[in-house]
Amino acid sequence: MNKLTEKMKSGKTEDPTEKACPECLSLIPIKARRCKFCTAVIGK
């Protein structure tokens, strides 16, 4: 718990590793070009 509290106080934020698919709103990796759930093509 103390490590979590320290991390929040330090102000450091982690880079997100996932994004939401624009079609089905499932979480997919940032570098994905296609959604693994609905197979929608993800544009940059």
N, C-alpha and C. Protein backbone atom coordinates (compact mmCIF):
# COMPACT_ATOMS: atom_id res chain seq x y z
N MET A 1 0.83 -1.19 0.00
CA MET A 1 0.00 0.00 0.00
C MET A 1 0.87 1.25 0.00
N ASN A 2 1.99 1.19 0.73
CA ASN A 2 2.86 2.36 0.79
C ASN A 2 3.48 2.67 -0.57
N LYS A 3 3.84 1.64 -1.32
CA LYS A 3 4.42 1.87 -2.65
C LYS A 3 3.40 2.54 -3.57
N LEU A 4 2.17 2.11 -3.49
CA LEU A 4 1.12 2.71 -4.30
C LEU A 4 0.91 4.17 -3.93
N THR A 5 0.91 4.47 -2.65
CA THR A 5 0.76 5.84 -2.19
C THR A 5 1.92 6.70 -2.65
N GLU A 6 3.14 6.20 -2.56
CA GLU A 6 4.32 6.94 -3.02
C GLU A 6 4.24 7.22 -4.51
N LYS A 7 3.81 6.24 -5.26
CA LYS A 7 3.71 6.39 -6.72
C LYS A 7 2.71 7.49 -7.08
N MET A 8 1.61 7.54 -6.37
CA MET A 8 0.59 8.55 -6.64
C MET A 8 1.08 9.94 -6.24
N LYS A 9 1.84 10.04 -5.16
CA LYS A 9 2.35 11.32 -4.70
C LYS A 9 3.48 11.85 -5.59
N SER A 10 4.25 10.95 -6.20
CA SER A 10 5.39 11.37 -6.99
C SER A 10 4.96 12.09 -8.27
N GLY A 11 3.75 11.89 -8.73
CA GLY A 11 3.26 12.56 -9.91
C GLY A 11 3.66 11.88 -11.20
N LYS A 12 4.39 10.78 -11.13
CA LYS A 12 4.77 10.06 -12.33
C LYS A 12 3.57 9.29 -12.85
N THR A 13 3.37 9.38 -14.14
CA THR A 13 2.29 8.63 -14.74
C THR A 13 2.88 7.64 -15.73
N GLU A 14 2.30 6.48 -15.78
CA GLU A 14 2.76 5.45 -16.71
C GLU A 14 2.10 5.69 -18.06
N ASP A 15 2.83 5.39 -19.12
CA ASP A 15 2.27 5.50 -20.45
C ASP A 15 1.20 4.43 -20.61
N PRO A 16 0.10 4.78 -21.24
CA PRO A 16 -0.95 3.77 -21.44
C PRO A 16 -0.48 2.68 -22.39
N THR A 17 -0.89 1.48 -22.14
CA THR A 17 -0.50 0.35 -22.99
C THR A 17 -1.67 -0.14 -23.83
N GLU A 18 -2.86 0.38 -23.55
CA GLU A 18 -4.04 -0.04 -24.28
C GLU A 18 -4.88 1.16 -24.69
N LYS A 19 -5.68 0.97 -25.72
CA LYS A 19 -6.62 1.99 -26.18
C LYS A 19 -7.94 1.31 -26.48
N ALA A 20 -8.99 2.10 -26.60
CA ALA A 20 -10.30 1.55 -26.89
C ALA A 20 -10.51 1.46 -28.39
N CYS A 21 -11.06 0.36 -28.84
CA CYS A 21 -11.43 0.18 -30.24
C CYS A 21 -12.58 1.14 -30.55
N PRO A 22 -12.49 1.90 -31.65
CA PRO A 22 -13.57 2.84 -31.97
C PRO A 22 -14.89 2.16 -32.34
N GLU A 23 -14.85 0.91 -32.73
CA GLU A 23 -16.06 0.20 -33.14
C GLU A 23 -16.76 -0.48 -31.96
N CYS A 24 -16.00 -1.32 -31.22
CA CYS A 24 -16.64 -2.11 -30.15
C CYS A 24 -16.25 -1.67 -28.74
N LEU A 25 -15.33 -0.70 -28.65
CA LEU A 25 -14.88 -0.13 -27.38
C LEU A 25 -14.13 -1.10 -26.47
N SER A 26 -13.67 -2.22 -27.02
CA SER A 26 -12.84 -3.16 -26.27
C SER A 26 -11.43 -2.59 -26.14
N LEU A 27 -10.72 -2.95 -25.10
CA LEU A 27 -9.35 -2.48 -24.93
C LEU A 27 -8.41 -3.34 -25.76
N ILE A 28 -7.59 -2.68 -26.56
CA ILE A 28 -6.62 -3.35 -27.42
C ILE A 28 -5.26 -2.68 -27.23
N PRO A 29 -4.17 -3.37 -27.54
CA PRO A 29 -2.85 -2.76 -27.41
C PRO A 29 -2.71 -1.50 -28.27
N ILE A 30 -1.92 -0.55 -27.81
CA ILE A 30 -1.70 0.72 -28.51
C ILE A 30 -1.20 0.49 -29.94
N LYS A 31 -0.30 -0.47 -30.12
CA LYS A 31 0.30 -0.70 -31.43
C LYS A 31 -0.55 -1.55 -32.37
N ALA A 32 -1.71 -1.99 -31.92
CA ALA A 32 -2.56 -2.85 -32.75
C ALA A 32 -3.08 -2.09 -33.96
N ARG A 33 -3.13 -2.79 -35.10
CA ARG A 33 -3.67 -2.21 -36.32
C ARG A 33 -5.08 -2.71 -36.58
N ARG A 34 -5.45 -3.79 -35.88
CA ARG A 34 -6.76 -4.38 -36.06
C ARG A 34 -7.25 -4.87 -34.70
N CYS A 35 -8.53 -4.67 -34.42
CA CYS A 35 -9.12 -5.10 -33.15
C CYS A 35 -9.21 -6.62 -33.13
N LYS A 36 -8.78 -7.22 -32.03
CA LYS A 36 -8.82 -8.68 -31.92
C LYS A 36 -10.22 -9.21 -31.62
N PHE A 37 -11.15 -8.33 -31.28
CA PHE A 37 -12.50 -8.77 -30.96
C PHE A 37 -13.46 -8.63 -32.14
N CYS A 38 -13.45 -7.45 -32.79
CA CYS A 38 -14.39 -7.23 -33.89
C CYS A 38 -13.69 -7.15 -35.24
N THR A 39 -12.40 -7.24 -35.27
CA THR A 39 -11.53 -7.20 -36.47
C THR A 39 -11.62 -5.89 -37.25
N ALA A 40 -12.06 -4.83 -36.61
CA ALA A 40 -12.08 -3.52 -37.26
C ALA A 40 -10.66 -3.04 -37.49
N VAL A 41 -10.43 -2.39 -38.63
CA VAL A 41 -9.12 -1.83 -38.92
C VAL A 41 -9.01 -0.52 -38.15
N ILE A 42 -7.91 -0.38 -37.41
CA ILE A 42 -7.69 0.80 -36.58
C ILE A 42 -6.76 1.75 -37.32
N GLY A 43 -7.20 2.96 -37.58
CA GLY A 43 -6.38 3.97 -38.24
C GLY A 43 -5.50 4.69 -37.24
N LYS A 44 -4.49 5.35 -37.75
CA LYS A 44 -3.56 6.08 -36.86
C LYS A 44 -4.05 7.46 -36.59
